[in-house]
PDB file of N, CA and C in Angstrom:
ATOM      1  N   MET A   1       0.779  -1.194  -0.098  1.00  0.00           N
ATOM      2  CA  MET A   1      -0.136   0.191  -0.119  1.00  0.00           C
ATOM      3  C   MET A   1       1.140   1.238  -0.176  1.00  0.00           C
ATOM      4  N   ILE A   2       0.331   2.380  -0.740  1.00  0.00           N
ATOM      5  CA  ILE A   2       1.199   3.405  -0.664  1.00  0.00           C
ATOM      6  C   ILE A   2       1.032   4.268   0.414  1.00  0.00           C
ATOM      7  N   ASP A   3       2.058   5.081   1.049  1.00  0.00           N
ATOM      8  CA  ASP A   3       1.645   5.693   2.006  1.00  0.00           C
ATOM      9  C   ASP A   3       1.263   7.234   1.698  1.00  0.00           C
ATOM     10  N   LEU A   4       0.435   7.835   2.681  1.00  0.00           N
ATOM     11  CA  LEU A   4       0.097   9.105   2.361  1.00  0.00           C
ATOM     12  C   LEU A   4       0.640  10.071   1.623  1.00  0.00           C
ATOM     13  N   GLY A   5       1.785  10.152   2.479  1.00  0.00           N
ATOM     14  CA  GLY A   5       2.704  11.060   2.038  1.00  0.00           C
ATOM     15  C   GLY A   5       3.252  11.012   0.429  1.00  0.00           C
ATOM     16  N   ARG A   6       3.271   9.916   0.208  1.00  0.00           N
ATOM     17  CA  ARG A   6       3.943   9.730  -1.534  1.00  0.00           C
ATOM     18  C   ARG A   6       2.721   9.834  -2.377  1.00  0.00           C
ATOM     19  N   LEU A   7       1.555   9.391  -1.883  1.00  0.00           N
ATOM     20  CA  LEU A   7       0.197   9.663  -2.745  1.00  0.00           C
ATOM     21  C   LEU A   7       0.036  11.200  -2.729  1.00  0.00           C
ATOM     22  N   ILE A   8       0.310  11.976  -1.813  1.00  0.00           N
ATOM     23  CA  ILE A   8       0.048  13.220  -2.043  1.00  0.00           C
ATOM     24  C   ILE A   8       1.068  14.161  -2.900  1.00  0.00           C
ATOM     25  N   ALA A   9       2.245  13.603  -2.554  1.00  0.00           N
ATOM     26  CA  ALA A   9       3.210  14.068  -3.714  1.00  0.00           C
ATOM     27  C   ALA A   9       3.171  13.664  -4.985  1.00  0.00           C
ATOM     28  N   PHE A  10       2.637  12.462  -5.220  1.00  0.00           N
ATOM     29  CA  PHE A  10       2.269  12.052  -6.573  1.00  0.00           C
ATOM     30  C   PHE A  10       1.236  12.804  -7.302  1.00  0.00           C
ATOM     31  N   CYS A  11       0.262  13.035  -6.981  1.00  0.00           N
ATOM     32  CA  CYS A  11      -0.850  13.906  -6.773  1.00  0.00           C
ATOM     33  C   CYS A  11      -0.727  15.284  -7.105  1.00  0.00           C
ATOM     34  N   ALA A  12       0.126  15.764  -6.103  1.00  0.00           N
ATOM     35  CA  ALA A  12       0.811  17.223  -6.599  1.00  0.00           C
ATOM     36  C   ALA A  12       1.891  17.464  -7.811  1.00  0.00           C
ATOM     37  N   MET A  13       2.369  16.413  -8.117  1.00  0.00           N
ATOM     38  CA  MET A  13       3.201  16.677  -9.219  1.00  0.00           C
ATOM     39  C   MET A  13       2.466  16.267 -10.428  1.00  0.00           C
ATOM     40  N   SER A  14       1.701  15.539 -10.255  1.00  0.00           N
ATOM     41  CA  SER A  14       0.970  15.338 -11.801  1.00  0.00           C
ATOM     42  C   SER A  14      -0.094  16.292 -12.023  1.00  0.00           C
ATOM     43  N   LEU A  15      -0.636  16.936 -11.063  1.00  0.00           N
ATOM     44  CA  LEU A  15      -1.540  18.272 -11.209  1.00  0.00           C
ATOM     45  C   LEU A  15      -0.379  19.249 -11.739  1.00  0.00           C
ATOM     46  N   LEU A  16       0.937  19.158 -11.267  1.00  0.00           N
ATOM     47  CA  LEU A  16       1.842  20.439 -11.892  1.00  0.00           C
ATOM     48  C   LEU A  16       2.093  20.245 -13.109  1.00  0.00           C
ATOM     49  N   LEU A  17       2.502  19.078 -13.443  1.00  0.00           N
ATOM     50  CA  LEU A  17       2.778  18.320 -15.126  1.00  0.00           C
ATOM     51  C   LEU A  17       1.420  18.721 -15.918  1.00  0.00           C
ATOM     52  N   SER A  18       0.369  18.451 -15.157  1.00  0.00           N
ATOM     53  CA  SER A  18      -0.662  18.540 -16.452  1.00  0.00           C
ATOM     54  C   SER A  18      -0.988  20.045 -16.549  1.00  0.00           C
ATOM     55  N   ALA A  19      -0.768  20.869 -15.726  1.00  0.00           N
ATOM     56  CA  ALA A  19      -1.040  22.373 -15.916  1.00  0.00           C
ATOM     57  C   ALA A  19      -0.084  22.978 -16.660  1.00  0.00           C
ATOM     58  N   VAL A  20       1.159  22.565 -16.669  1.00  0.00           N
ATOM     59  CA  VAL A  20       2.072  23.034 -17.353  1.00  0.00           C
ATOM     60  C   VAL A  20       2.076  22.542 -18.788  1.00  0.00           C
ATOM     61  N   PRO A  21       1.949  23.832 -19.689  1.00  0.00           N
ATOM     62  CA  PRO A  21       1.888  23.773 -21.188  1.00  0.00           C
ATOM     63  C   PRO A  21       3.061  23.053 -21.613  1.00  0.00           C
ATOM     64  N   GLY A  22       2.785  22.137 -22.695  1.00  0.00           N
ATOM     65  CA  GLY A  22       3.873  21.375 -23.278  1.00  0.00           C
ATOM     66  C   GLY A  22       4.396  22.408 -24.648  1.00  0.00           C
ATOM     67  N   LEU A  23       5.359  21.660 -25.505  1.00  0.00           N
ATOM     68  CA  LEU A  23       5.660  22.162 -26.619  1.00  0.00           C
ATOM     69  C   LEU A  23       4.590  22.128 -27.566  1.00  0.00           C
ATOM     70  N   SER A  24       3.865  21.286 -27.541  1.00  0.00           N
ATOM     71  CA  SER A  24       2.716  21.314 -28.772  1.00  0.00           C
ATOM     72  C   SER A  24       1.741  22.448 -28.395  1.00  0.00           C
ATOM     73  N   VAL A  25       1.515  22.619 -26.787  1.00  0.00           N
ATOM     74  CA  VAL A  25       0.346  23.783 -26.786  1.00  0.00           C
ATOM     75  C   VAL A  25       1.166  25.380 -27.124  1.00  0.00           C
ATOM     76  N   LEU A  26       2.307  25.294 -26.871  1.00  0.00           N
ATOM     77  CA  LEU A  26       3.243  26.594 -27.103  1.00  0.00           C
ATOM     78  C   LEU A  26       3.066  26.827 -28.604  1.00  0.00           C
ATOM     79  N   PHE A  27       3.352  25.732 -29.742  1.00  0.00           N
ATOM     80  CA  PHE A  27       3.564  25.758 -30.883  1.00  0.00           C
ATOM     81  C   PHE A  27       2.117  26.136 -31.627  1.00  0.00           C
ATOM     82  N   ALA A  28       1.110  25.431 -31.133  1.00  0.00           N
ATOM     83  CA  ALA A  28      -0.282  25.848 -31.256  1.00  0.00           C
ATOM     84  C   ALA A  28      -0.860  27.360 -31.136  1.00  0.00           C
ATOM     85  N   VAL A  29      -0.365  27.866 -29.919  1.00  0.00           N
ATOM     86  CA  VAL A  29      -0.528  28.959 -29.573  1.00  0.00           C
ATOM     87  C   VAL A  29       0.249  30.171 -30.183  1.00  0.00           C
ATOM     88  N   GLY A  30       1.396  29.926 -30.468  1.00  0.00           N
ATOM     89  CA  GLY A  30       2.519  30.419 -31.433  1.00  0.00           C
ATOM     90  C   GLY A  30       1.760  30.764 -32.834  1.00  0.00           C
ATOM     91  N   ARG A  31       1.346  29.702 -33.294  1.00  0.00           N
ATOM     92  CA  ARG A  31       0.793  29.750 -34.526  1.00  0.00           C
ATOM     93  C   ARG A  31      -0.550  30.541 -34.560  1.00  0.00           C
ATOM     94  N   ALA A  32      -1.278  30.128 -33.669  1.00  0.00           N
ATOM     95  CA  ALA A  32      -2.788  30.885 -33.889  1.00  0.00           C
ATOM     96  C   ALA A  32      -2.217  32.671 -33.497  1.00  0.00           C
ATOM     97  N   LEU A  33      -1.277  32.930 -32.709  1.00  0.00           N
ATOM     98  CA  LEU A  33      -1.119  34.426 -32.675  1.00  0.00           C
ATOM     99  C   LEU A  33      -0.478  35.037 -34.033  1.00  0.00           C
ATOM    100  N   ALA A  34       0.549  34.161 -34.486  1.00  0.00           N
ATOM    101  CA  ALA A  34       1.147  34.695 -35.796  1.00  0.00           C
ATOM    102  C   ALA A  34       0.307  34.628 -36.989  1.00  0.00           C
ATOM    103  N   LEU A  35      -0.412  33.721 -37.159  1.00  0.00           N
ATOM    104  CA  LEU A  35      -1.408  33.604 -38.469  1.00  0.00           C
ATOM    105  C   LEU A  35      -2.723  33.617 -38.164  1.00  0.00           C
ATOM    106  N   GLY A  36      -3.241  33.782 -37.208  1.00  0.00           N
ATOM    107  CA  GLY A  36      -5.123  33.998 -37.025  1.00  0.00           C
ATOM    108  C   GLY A  36      -5.403  32.450 -36.338  1.00  0.00           C
ATOM    109  N   ARG A  37      -6.487  32.546 -36.211  1.00  0.00           N
ATOM    110  CA  ARG A  37      -7.203  31.460 -35.460  1.00  0.00           C
ATOM    111  C   ARG A  37      -7.648  30.479 -36.619  1.00  0.00           C
ATOM    112  N   ARG A  38      -7.430  30.362 -37.682  1.00  0.00           N
ATOM    113  CA  ARG A  38      -7.760  29.253 -38.524  1.00  0.00           C
ATOM    114  C   ARG A  38      -6.658  28.385 -38.602  1.00  0.00           C
ATOM    115  N   ALA A  39      -5.383  29.076 -38.312  1.00  0.00           N
ATOM    116  CA  ALA A  39      -3.987  28.382 -38.474  1.00  0.00           C
ATOM    117  C   ALA A  39      -4.020  27.387 -37.224  1.00  0.00           C
ATOM    118  N   ALA A  40      -4.604  27.661 -36.129  1.00  0.00           N
ATOM    119  CA  ALA A  40      -4.407  26.869 -34.982  1.00  0.00           C
ATOM    120  C   ALA A  40      -4.879  25.512 -35.018  1.00  0.00           C
ATOM    121  N   PRO A  41      -6.067  25.209 -35.511  1.00  0.00           N
ATOM    122  CA  PRO A  41      -6.453  23.828 -35.620  1.00  0.00           C
ATOM    123  C   PRO A  41      -5.783  22.932 -36.842  1.00  0.00           C
ATOM    124  N   ALA A  42      -5.332  23.985 -37.745  1.00  0.00           N
ATOM    125  CA  ALA A  42      -4.202  22.995 -38.753  1.00  0.00           C
ATOM    126  C   ALA A  42      -3.060  22.879 -38.082  1.00  0.00           C
ATOM    127  N   SER A  43      -2.792  23.560 -37.268  1.00  0.00           N
ATOM    128  CA  SER A  43      -1.400  23.086 -36.640  1.00  0.00           C
ATOM    129  C   SER A  43      -1.627  21.996 -35.445  1.00  0.00           C
ATOM    130  N   VAL A  44      -2.636  21.892 -34.953  1.00  0.00           N
ATOM    131  CA  VAL A  44      -2.798  21.008 -33.914  1.00  0.00           C
ATOM    132  C   VAL A  44      -3.108  19.732 -34.792  1.00  0.00           C
ATOM    133  N   PHE A  45      -3.737  19.718 -35.640  1.00  0.00           N
ATOM    134  CA  PHE A  45      -4.024  18.493 -36.670  1.00  0.00           C
ATOM    135  C   PHE A  45      -2.507  18.101 -37.146  1.00  0.00           C
ATOM    136  N   GLY A  46      -1.814  18.845 -37.608  1.00  0.00           N
ATOM    137  CA  GLY A  46      -0.319  18.525 -38.255  1.00  0.00           C
ATOM    138  C   GLY A  46       0.625  17.845 -37.252  1.00  0.00           C
ATOM    139  N   ASN A  47       0.429  18.659 -36.092  1.00  0.00           N
ATOM    140  CA  ASN A  47       1.302  17.977 -34.912  1.00  0.00           C
ATOM    141  C   ASN A  47       0.942  16.622 -34.301  1.00  0.00           C
ATOM    142  N   ALA A  48      -0.447  16.503 -34.365  1.00  0.00           N
ATOM    143  CA  ALA A  48      -1.077  15.320 -33.810  1.00  0.00           C
ATOM    144  C   ALA A  48      -0.398  13.974 -34.879  1.00  0.00           C
ATOM    145  N   LEU A  49      -0.770  14.384 -36.399  1.00  0.00           N
ATOM    146  CA  LEU A  49      -0.667  13.686 -37.346  1.00  0.00           C
ATOM    147  C   LEU A  49       1.076  13.146 -37.388  1.00  0.00           C
ATOM    148  N   GLY A  50       1.696  14.088 -37.122  1.00  0.00           N
ATOM    149  CA  GLY A  50       3.150  13.803 -37.098  1.00  0.00           C
ATOM    150  C   GLY A  50       3.392  12.822 -35.997  1.00  0.00           C
ATOM    151  N   GLY A  51       2.824  13.161 -34.796  1.00  0.00           N
ATOM    152  CA  GLY A  51       3.205  12.140 -33.477  1.00  0.00           C
ATOM    153  C   GLY A  51       2.531  10.799 -33.807  1.00  0.00           C
ATOM    154  N   PHE A  52       1.357  10.663 -34.619  1.00  0.00           N
ATOM    155  CA  PHE A  52       0.808   9.325 -35.114  1.00  0.00           C
ATOM    156  C   PHE A  52       1.862   8.573 -35.989  1.00  0.00           C
ATOM    157  N   VAL A  53       2.372   9.332 -36.778  1.00  0.00           N
ATOM    158  CA  VAL A  53       3.212   8.371 -37.667  1.00  0.00           C
ATOM    159  C   VAL A  53       4.543   8.103 -36.760  1.00  0.00           C
ATOM    160  N   LEU A  54       5.162   9.122 -35.967  1.00  0.00           N
ATOM    161  CA  LEU A  54       6.130   8.522 -35.261  1.00  0.00           C
ATOM    162  C   LEU A  54       5.963   7.267 -34.345  1.00  0.00           C
ATOM    163  N   ILE A  55       4.880   7.313 -33.687  1.00  0.00           N
ATOM    164  CA  ILE A  55       4.239   5.983 -32.823  1.00  0.00           C
ATOM    165  C   ILE A  55       3.908   5.073 -33.767  1.00  0.00           C
ATOM    166  N   VAL A  56       3.630   4.950 -34.914  1.00  0.00           N
ATOM    167  CA  VAL A  56       3.206   3.877 -35.501  1.00  0.00           C
ATOM    168  C   VAL A  56       4.832   3.464 -36.196  1.00  0.00           C
ATOM    169  N   GLY A  57       5.660   4.302 -36.372  1.00  0.00           N
ATOM    170  CA  GLY A  57       7.290   3.874 -36.906  1.00  0.00           C
ATOM    171  C   GLY A  57       7.737   3.064 -35.895  1.00  0.00           C
ATOM    172  N   VAL A  58       7.806   3.590 -34.772  1.00  0.00           N
ATOM    173  CA  VAL A  58       8.198   2.863 -33.554  1.00  0.00           C
ATOM    174  C   VAL A  58       7.757   1.713 -33.311  1.00  0.00           C
ATOM    175  N   ALA A  59       6.258   1.639 -33.337  1.00  0.00           N
ATOM    176  CA  ALA A  59       5.387   0.251 -33.255  1.00  0.00           C
ATOM    177  C   ALA A  59       5.973  -0.683 -34.242  1.00  0.00           C
ATOM    178  N   LEU A  60       6.206  -0.497 -35.312  1.00  0.00           N
ATOM    179  CA  LEU A  60       6.438  -1.437 -36.598  1.00  0.00           C
ATOM    180  C   LEU A  60       8.056  -1.612 -36.324  1.00  0.00           C
ATOM    181  N   GLY A  61       8.832  -1.062 -35.693  1.00  0.00           N
ATOM    182  CA  GLY A  61      10.154  -1.140 -35.442  1.00  0.00           C
ATOM    183  C   GLY A  61      10.982  -0.621 -36.152  1.00  0.00           C
ATOM    184  N   VAL A  62      10.310   0.537 -37.041  1.00  0.00           N
ATOM    185  CA  VAL A  62      11.542   1.308 -38.002  1.00  0.00           C
ATOM    186  C   VAL A  62      12.173   2.439 -37.095  1.00  0.00           C
ATOM    187  N   GLY A  63      13.662   2.138 -37.521  1.00  0.00           N
ATOM    188  CA  GLY A  63      14.444   3.221 -36.859  1.00  0.00           C
ATOM    189  C   GLY A  63      15.635   3.812 -37.523  1.00  0.00           C
ATOM    190  N   TRP A  64      16.383   4.287 -37.280  1.00  0.00           N
ATOM    191  CA  TRP A  64      17.681   4.969 -37.950  1.00  0.00           C
ATOM    192  C   TRP A  64      18.849   4.026 -37.813  1.00  0.00           C
ATOM    193  N   LYS A  65      19.312   3.458 -38.856  1.00  0.00           N
ATOM    194  CA  LYS A  65      20.017   2.407 -38.831  1.00  0.00           C
ATOM    195  C   LYS A  65      21.723   2.909 -38.852  1.00  0.00           C
ATOM    196  N   GLY A  66      21.885   4.216 -38.240  1.00  0.00           N
ATOM    197  CA  GLY A  66      23.310   4.898 -38.936  1.00  0.00           C
ATOM    198  C   GLY A  66      23.975   4.236 -37.724  1.00  0.00           C
ATOM    199  N   PRO A  67      25.293   4.937 -37.846  1.00  0.00           N
ATOM    200  CA  PRO A  67      26.371   4.302 -36.886  1.00  0.00           C
ATOM    201  C   PRO A  67      25.959   4.534 -35.212  1.00  0.00           C
ATOM    202  N   SER A  68      26.400   3.556 -34.516  1.00  0.00           N
ATOM    203  CA  SER A  68      26.108   3.617 -33.027  1.00  0.00           C
ATOM    204  C   SER A  68      27.004   4.620 -32.387  1.00  0.00           C
ATOM    205  N   LEU A  69      26.554   5.252 -31.422  1.00  0.00           N
ATOM    206  CA  LEU A  69      27.435   6.130 -30.425  1.00  0.00           C
ATOM    207  C   LEU A  69      28.204   5.060 -29.600  1.00  0.00           C
ATOM    208  N   TYR A  70      27.565   3.863 -29.256  1.00  0.00           N
ATOM    209  CA  TYR A  70      28.156   2.880 -28.471  1.00  0.00           C
ATOM    210  C   TYR A  70      28.882   1.735 -29.162  1.00  0.00           C
ATOM    211  N   SER A  71      29.106   1.823 -30.366  1.00  0.00           N
ATOM    212  CA  SER A  71      29.742   0.603 -31.081  1.00  0.00           C
ATOM    213  C   SER A  71      31.709   1.005 -30.860  1.00  0.00           C
ATOM    214  N   THR A  72      32.247  -0.207 -30.777  1.00  0.00           N
ATOM    215  CA  THR A  72      33.507  -0.297 -30.719  1.00  0.00           C
ATOM    216  C   THR A  72      34.355  -0.223 -31.730  1.00  0.00           C
TER     217      THR A  72
END
């Protein structure tokens, strides 16, 4: 069982992390401010689509096969 102190700390950090905007939110707000309200949904959709493509690629095992930093 999780003790009460750790549960409170976990809930506090979860709340803090969900309240702080990430790079995607800052990107969408920046595009909306620079290009207007019509550009924001397009930016959000493009950002989500790019993330989806990356997730599918990782799930399929596609990766960069370049030289490894750890090879000898």
